[in-house]
Amino acid sequence: MRLLFLAVLRRHTGNAVTAQRVRDHLEAAGHVCILKDAFDFESPSEISSFIKAENLEAAVALHLYRGGRLLQGNGIPFGIIFGGTDLNEDVNQGDKNKVMGKVLEEARFAVAFTESMKETAQRQWPHAKDKIYVQSQEINQSADNLHVFLLICGLRQVKDPLYLVDAFSEWHQEEANVYMVIVGPEVDPVFTREVKAKVKRSPGVRLIREMAQEDLHAVMKNCFALVNSSVSEGMSAAILEAMDLEVPVLARNIPGNAAVVKHEVTGLLFSDPQEFVQLAKRLVSDPALEKKIVANGKEYVRKYHSWQEERQTYRQLVRTLERSTED
């Protein structure tokens, strides 16, 4: 079958990555899939002319408003993939909401990435509930294109692992190649259940059980950045280990973290989830900043937190205990 695939194809955006991946799936099934940028067309009539010229038999649109509205009334069957802003922002604008409802009436199917997105769509357009399917996104981007933010902590309230989840999940729905992975032991059973339930409903956020130290270091080496969102810290060993492994650090601006992380020098400090997303986006788009804070962090650990110095300090202190015993 000859298919038209409409999506917003701005470079390095989540929707563009998703569209290319889904196109690969369809072509692997034997279809001819013509991927076009929705912004190249101003009206359904332009799409209609393109459909006739290319002898297209069906269509798929990524984004209910930006892509879906262009497929209305063109006489070929089509399906929709929700994009993120259609359900998070456009749905709150009366005219766009009405248009999207009409698109769903005509669509053969609609795909949501999560149960939460499906529920949002069903609340807005109950008439479409039987045609909405859930298919989570695969992670098959290259290592260069995938940005994993690693949060290492025991699952207890003082570590506040849920602090960034909502803001990060919203970012992921716009940029599908960013993920937050939470790794740590289940310290507080009641709170752990809360974390698991929240993560399950949050696109772009994953929870991994505690792992051996050498495995954790391997994961840390391959992540894009280490995150610390604790309410309070003495001195985070994970932050120091990340600096030593030359991994950028984004840490909540609390005294324990600020004692180690100097903003824009050895890492980045944030005061709220929105600032975290702003700084994370900046880090992703600014290799020079990443290079600078990684180099400074490595030097800071070498100078002030070397294991040799720590070993010597404890040896000397224990010797004072030996002297006290002799006395």
Protein backbone atom coordinates (compact mmCIF):
# COMPACT_ATOMS: atom_id res chain seq x y z
CA MET A 1 0.00 0.00 0.00
CA ARG A 2 1.17 3.53 -0.75
CA LEU A 3 1.00 5.59 2.43
CA LEU A 4 1.36 9.27 3.24
CA PHE A 5 2.95 9.93 6.65
CA LEU A 6 2.48 13.49 7.90
CA ALA A 7 4.54 14.80 10.82
CA VAL A 8 6.38 17.89 11.98
CA LEU A 9 9.94 17.16 10.89
CA ARG A 10 12.00 19.88 12.53
CA ARG A 11 15.48 18.46 13.09
CA HIS A 12 16.33 16.87 16.43
CA THR A 13 12.73 16.96 17.72
CA GLY A 14 11.03 14.01 19.36
CA ASN A 15 8.27 13.91 16.75
CA ALA A 16 10.77 13.74 13.90
CA VAL A 17 12.61 10.84 15.54
CA THR A 18 9.34 9.00 16.19
CA ALA A 19 8.10 9.56 12.63
CA GLN A 20 11.27 8.17 11.10
CA ARG A 21 11.15 5.12 13.35
CA VAL A 22 7.45 4.39 12.60
CA ARG A 23 8.10 4.86 8.87
CA ASP A 24 10.82 2.21 9.11
CA HIS A 25 8.31 -0.17 10.72
CA LEU A 26 5.78 0.39 7.94
CA GLU A 27 8.31 0.02 5.15
CA ALA A 28 9.62 -3.18 6.75
CA ALA A 29 6.06 -4.52 6.38
CA GLY A 30 6.23 -3.92 2.63
CA HIS A 31 4.42 -0.58 2.34
CA VAL A 32 5.65 2.45 0.43
CA CYS A 33 5.69 5.26 3.01
CA ILE A 34 6.16 8.87 1.90
CA LEU A 35 7.14 10.99 4.89
CA LYS A 36 6.22 14.68 4.56
CA ASP A 37 6.46 17.69 6.86
CA ALA A 38 2.99 18.91 7.86
CA PHE A 39 4.28 22.49 7.70
CA ASP A 40 4.82 22.07 3.95
CA PHE A 41 1.04 22.13 3.46
CA GLU A 42 -1.30 24.97 4.31
CA SER A 43 -4.67 23.33 3.71
CA PRO A 44 -6.44 20.00 3.13
CA SER A 45 -6.82 20.92 -0.54
CA GLU A 46 -3.03 20.99 -0.97
CA ILE A 47 -2.84 17.57 0.66
CA SER A 48 -5.61 16.35 -1.64
CA SER A 49 -3.63 17.38 -4.73
CA PHE A 50 -0.52 15.66 -3.38
CA ILE A 51 -2.48 12.47 -2.64
CA LYS A 52 -3.79 12.34 -6.21
CA ALA A 53 -0.42 13.14 -7.76
CA GLU A 54 1.33 10.40 -5.77
CA ASN A 55 -1.53 7.90 -6.09
CA LEU A 56 -1.66 7.43 -2.31
CA GLU A 57 -4.10 4.97 -0.79
CA ALA A 58 -4.02 5.79 2.94
CA ALA A 59 -2.34 8.09 5.45
CA VAL A 60 -0.98 8.36 8.99
CA ALA A 61 -0.50 11.64 10.86
CA LEU A 62 1.67 12.22 13.90
CA HIS A 63 -0.02 14.96 15.98
CA LEU A 64 -3.78 15.18 16.06
CA TYR A 65 -3.98 18.88 15.25
CA ARG A 66 -0.91 19.74 13.17
CA GLY A 67 -1.14 16.66 10.97
CA GLY A 68 -4.63 15.28 11.46
CA ARG A 69 -6.58 18.37 10.43
CA LEU A 70 -4.94 18.29 7.00
CA LEU A 71 -6.28 14.79 6.29
CA GLN A 72 -9.95 15.58 6.82
CA GLY A 73 -12.26 15.05 3.87
CA ASN A 74 -9.61 13.69 1.50
CA GLY A 75 -11.39 10.43 0.81
CA ILE A 76 -8.66 8.07 1.93
CA PRO A 77 -8.59 6.15 5.23
CA PHE A 78 -6.18 7.49 7.84
CA GLY A 79 -4.95 6.93 11.38
CA ILE A 80 -3.54 9.28 14.02
CA ILE A 81 -0.63 9.13 16.46
CA PHE A 82 -0.91 11.58 19.35
CA GLY A 83 2.15 13.78 19.58
CA GLY A 84 2.16 15.36 23.04
CA THR A 85 1.30 19.03 22.66
CA ASP A 86 -2.00 18.06 21.03
CA LEU A 87 -3.12 16.47 24.31
CA ASN A 88 -1.20 18.76 26.70
CA GLU A 89 -1.75 22.20 25.15
CA ASP A 90 -3.94 22.29 22.02
CA VAL A 91 -6.72 20.48 23.85
CA ASN A 92 -7.19 23.57 26.06
CA GLN A 93 -7.91 25.83 23.08
CA GLY A 94 -11.58 25.66 22.13
CA ASP A 95 -11.26 25.90 18.35
CA LYS A 96 -8.40 23.39 18.16
CA ASN A 97 -10.21 21.02 20.51
CA LYS A 98 -13.26 21.03 18.25
CA VAL A 99 -11.16 20.42 15.13
CA MET A 100 -9.33 17.53 16.79
CA GLY A 101 -12.64 15.96 17.81
CA LYS A 102 -13.79 16.06 14.20
CA VAL A 103 -10.50 14.51 13.04
CA LEU A 104 -10.99 11.64 15.49
CA GLU A 105 -14.50 11.03 14.17
CA GLU A 106 -13.02 10.39 10.73
CA ALA A 107 -9.85 8.56 11.80
CA ARG A 108 -9.81 4.75 11.70
CA PHE A 109 -7.49 4.54 14.73
CA ALA A 110 -5.50 6.70 17.16
CA VAL A 111 -2.32 5.68 18.98
CA ALA A 112 -1.35 6.95 22.44
CA PHE A 113 2.11 6.34 23.88
CA THR A 114 0.83 5.77 27.44
CA GLU A 115 -2.32 4.82 29.34
CA SER A 116 -2.34 8.34 30.76
CA MET A 117 -2.45 9.87 27.26
CA LYS A 118 -5.22 7.46 26.29
CA GLU A 119 -7.27 8.46 29.33
CA THR A 120 -6.81 12.15 28.54
CA ALA A 121 -8.03 11.63 24.97
CA GLN A 122 -11.00 9.54 26.10
CA ARG A 123 -12.09 12.23 28.56
CA GLN A 124 -11.97 14.88 25.85
CA TRP A 125 -13.55 12.83 23.06
CA PRO A 126 -15.60 9.95 24.50
CA HIS A 127 -16.93 9.09 21.05
CA ALA A 128 -13.42 7.94 20.04
CA LYS A 129 -12.69 5.67 23.01
CA ASP A 130 -13.02 2.42 21.03
CA LYS A 131 -10.44 3.45 18.43
CA ILE A 132 -7.62 4.56 20.77
CA TYR A 133 -4.76 2.10 21.24
CA VAL A 134 -1.69 2.26 23.50
CA GLN A 135 1.74 1.58 22.02
CA SER A 136 4.74 2.78 24.00
CA GLN A 137 7.72 4.13 22.13
CA GLU A 138 10.76 1.97 21.53
CA ILE A 139 14.21 3.14 22.47
CA ASN A 140 16.27 2.39 19.40
CA GLN A 141 18.05 5.65 18.80
CA SER A 142 21.79 5.61 18.42
CA ALA A 143 23.84 6.27 21.54
CA ASP A 144 24.75 9.69 20.13
CA ASN A 145 21.11 10.70 19.83
CA LEU A 146 19.81 9.24 23.10
CA HIS A 147 20.10 11.37 26.24
CA VAL A 148 19.63 9.45 29.48
CA PHE A 149 19.51 11.43 32.73
CA LEU A 150 20.39 9.10 35.61
CA LEU A 151 19.03 9.59 39.13
CA ILE A 152 20.68 7.28 41.68
CA CYS A 153 18.99 7.16 45.07
CA GLY A 154 17.31 4.97 47.64
CA LEU A 155 13.54 5.14 47.26
CA ARG A 156 12.71 7.27 50.27
CA GLN A 157 11.14 10.69 50.63
CA VAL A 158 14.27 12.61 51.59
CA LYS A 159 15.75 11.71 48.18
CA ASP A 160 12.60 13.05 46.47
CA PRO A 161 12.88 10.91 43.31
CA LEU A 162 9.48 12.12 42.07
CA TYR A 163 10.44 15.82 42.22
CA LEU A 164 11.29 16.07 38.52
CA VAL A 165 9.05 13.36 37.08
CA ASP A 166 6.15 15.51 35.82
CA ALA A 167 8.37 18.17 34.26
CA PHE A 168 10.67 15.58 32.69
CA SER A 169 7.76 13.57 31.32
CA GLU A 170 6.36 16.68 29.61
CA TRP A 171 9.76 17.33 28.06
CA HIS A 172 10.00 13.72 26.86
CA GLN A 173 6.66 14.02 25.05
CA GLU A 174 8.22 16.83 23.02
CA GLU A 175 11.70 15.32 22.72
CA ALA A 176 11.34 11.54 22.53
CA ASN A 177 15.10 10.91 22.81
CA VAL A 178 15.39 12.16 26.42
CA TYR A 179 14.81 9.75 29.28
CA MET A 180 15.14 9.84 33.05
CA VAL A 181 16.16 6.57 34.69
CA ILE A 182 15.83 6.18 38.46
CA VAL A 183 18.07 3.51 40.00
CA GLY A 184 18.15 2.51 43.64
CA PRO A 185 17.14 0.21 46.48
CA GLU A 186 13.57 0.01 47.74
CA VAL A 187 14.24 1.54 51.17
CA ASP A 188 10.71 2.63 52.12
CA PRO A 189 8.13 0.02 50.99
CA VAL A 190 5.14 2.38 51.15
CA PHE A 191 6.92 5.18 49.30
CA THR A 192 8.31 2.66 46.79
CA ARG A 193 4.76 1.72 45.79
CA GLU A 194 4.00 5.40 45.22
CA VAL A 195 7.12 5.81 43.08
CA LYS A 196 6.33 2.73 40.99
CA ALA A 197 2.75 3.86 40.38
CA LYS A 198 3.86 7.36 39.36
CA VAL A 199 6.63 6.18 37.06
CA LYS A 200 4.31 3.69 35.37
CA ARG A 201 2.09 6.58 34.27
CA SER A 202 4.93 8.92 33.25
CA PRO A 203 6.25 8.78 29.68
CA GLY A 204 10.02 8.98 29.42
CA VAL A 205 10.71 7.92 33.01
CA ARG A 206 12.00 4.46 33.94
CA LEU A 207 12.65 2.76 37.28
CA ILE A 208 15.41 0.15 37.70
CA ARG A 209 16.12 -1.93 40.77
CA GLU A 210 19.31 -1.65 42.76
CA MET A 211 22.38 -3.05 41.00
CA ALA A 212 25.94 -3.97 41.86
CA GLN A 213 28.42 -1.09 42.13
CA GLU A 214 30.42 -2.10 39.05
CA ASP A 215 27.23 -2.33 36.98
CA LEU A 216 26.08 1.03 38.30
CA HIS A 217 29.38 2.60 37.26
CA ALA A 218 28.99 1.13 33.78
CA VAL A 219 25.49 2.63 33.53
CA MET A 220 26.77 5.97 34.81
CA LYS A 221 29.56 6.06 32.22
CA ASN A 222 27.02 5.63 29.45
CA CYS A 223 24.39 8.11 30.65
CA PHE A 224 24.26 11.70 29.45
CA ALA A 225 24.13 13.29 32.90
CA LEU A 226 23.73 12.44 36.57
CA VAL A 227 20.83 14.04 38.43
CA ASN A 228 20.41 14.66 42.16
CA SER A 229 17.00 15.90 43.38
CA SER A 230 17.37 15.28 47.12
CA VAL A 231 15.70 17.46 49.73
CA SER A 232 18.91 17.26 51.77
CA GLU A 233 22.36 15.73 51.38
CA GLY A 234 25.51 15.45 53.42
CA MET A 235 27.81 14.91 50.48
CA SER A 236 26.53 12.84 47.57
CA ALA A 237 28.92 10.04 46.66
CA ALA A 238 27.07 9.63 43.35
CA ILE A 239 27.87 13.23 42.39
CA LEU A 240 31.57 12.77 43.14
CA GLU A 241 31.67 9.46 41.26
CA ALA A 242 29.98 11.07 38.25
CA MET A 243 32.53 13.88 38.23
CA ASP A 244 35.36 11.36 38.43
CA LEU A 245 33.83 9.39 35.53
CA GLU A 246 33.54 12.63 33.51
CA VAL A 247 29.73 12.67 33.52
CA PRO A 248 27.95 16.06 33.76
CA VAL A 249 26.02 16.71 36.99
CA LEU A 250 22.70 18.50 37.47
CA ALA A 251 21.88 18.85 41.15
CA ARG A 252 19.15 20.41 43.23
CA ASN A 253 20.35 23.64 44.82
CA ILE A 254 20.62 22.58 48.46
CA PRO A 255 23.57 23.25 50.80
CA GLY A 256 25.03 19.73 50.57
CA ASN A 257 25.04 19.79 46.77
CA ALA A 258 26.13 23.43 46.45
CA ALA A 259 29.18 22.60 48.57
CA VAL A 260 30.36 20.31 45.77
CA VAL A 261 28.73 21.66 42.62
CA LYS A 262 29.64 25.20 41.62
CA HIS A 263 27.02 26.36 39.12
CA GLU A 264 28.26 26.42 35.53
CA VAL A 265 31.75 25.44 36.73
CA THR A 266 31.68 21.87 38.05
CA GLY A 267 28.01 21.24 37.29
CA LEU A 268 24.59 22.84 37.10
CA LEU A 269 22.31 23.70 40.03
CA PHE A 270 18.52 23.99 39.75
CA SER A 271 15.95 25.33 42.20
CA ASP A 272 12.75 23.89 40.71
CA PRO A 273 11.69 21.35 38.07
CA GLN A 274 11.19 23.99 35.39
CA GLU A 275 14.71 25.31 35.87
CA PHE A 276 16.00 21.73 35.70
CA VAL A 277 14.42 21.25 32.26
CA GLN A 278 15.80 24.59 31.05
CA LEU A 279 19.32 23.67 32.18
CA ALA A 280 19.05 20.12 30.84
CA LYS A 281 18.00 21.44 27.42
CA ARG A 282 20.90 23.88 27.52
CA LEU A 283 23.32 21.08 28.35
CA VAL A 284 22.01 18.93 25.50
CA SER A 285 22.41 21.75 22.99
CA ASP A 286 25.72 23.20 24.23
CA PRO A 287 28.65 20.75 23.87
CA ALA A 288 31.10 23.46 24.98
CA LEU A 289 29.30 23.82 28.31
CA GLU A 290 29.26 20.06 28.78
CA LYS A 291 32.96 19.81 28.02
CA LYS A 292 33.79 22.63 30.45
CA ILE A 293 31.88 21.32 33.46
CA VAL A 294 33.10 17.75 32.87
CA ALA A 295 36.74 18.90 32.83
CA ASN A 296 36.28 21.12 35.88
CA GLY A 297 34.42 18.39 37.76
CA LYS A 298 37.17 15.87 37.10
CA GLU A 299 39.83 18.32 38.29
CA TYR A 300 37.79 19.22 41.38
CA VAL A 301 37.51 15.57 42.43
CA ARG A 302 41.21 14.97 41.76
CA LYS A 303 42.18 17.98 43.84
CA TYR A 304 39.80 17.79 46.78
CA HIS A 305 38.35 14.27 46.91
CA SER A 306 41.14 11.87 45.98
CA TRP A 307 40.91 8.42 47.55
CA GLN A 308 44.55 8.61 48.52
CA GLU A 309 43.94 11.71 50.60
CA GLU A 310 40.86 10.15 52.18
CA ARG A 311 42.80 6.98 52.99
CA GLN A 312 45.60 9.01 54.57
CA THR A 313 43.16 11.03 56.66
CA TYR A 314 41.49 7.96 58.14
CA ARG A 315 44.81 6.24 58.73
CA GLN A 316 46.02 9.24 60.68
CA LEU A 317 42.82 9.48 62.69
CA VAL A 318 42.88 5.81 63.58
CA ARG A 319 46.47 6.22 64.76
CA THR A 320 45.19 8.73 67.32
CA LEU A 321 42.97 5.95 68.67
CA GLU A 322 46.02 3.71 68.94
CA ARG A 323 47.85 6.37 70.92
CA SER A 324 44.82 6.78 73.20
CA THR A 325 44.84 3.03 73.85
CA GLU A 326 48.51 3.12 74.73
CA ASP A 327 47.91 6.03 77.08
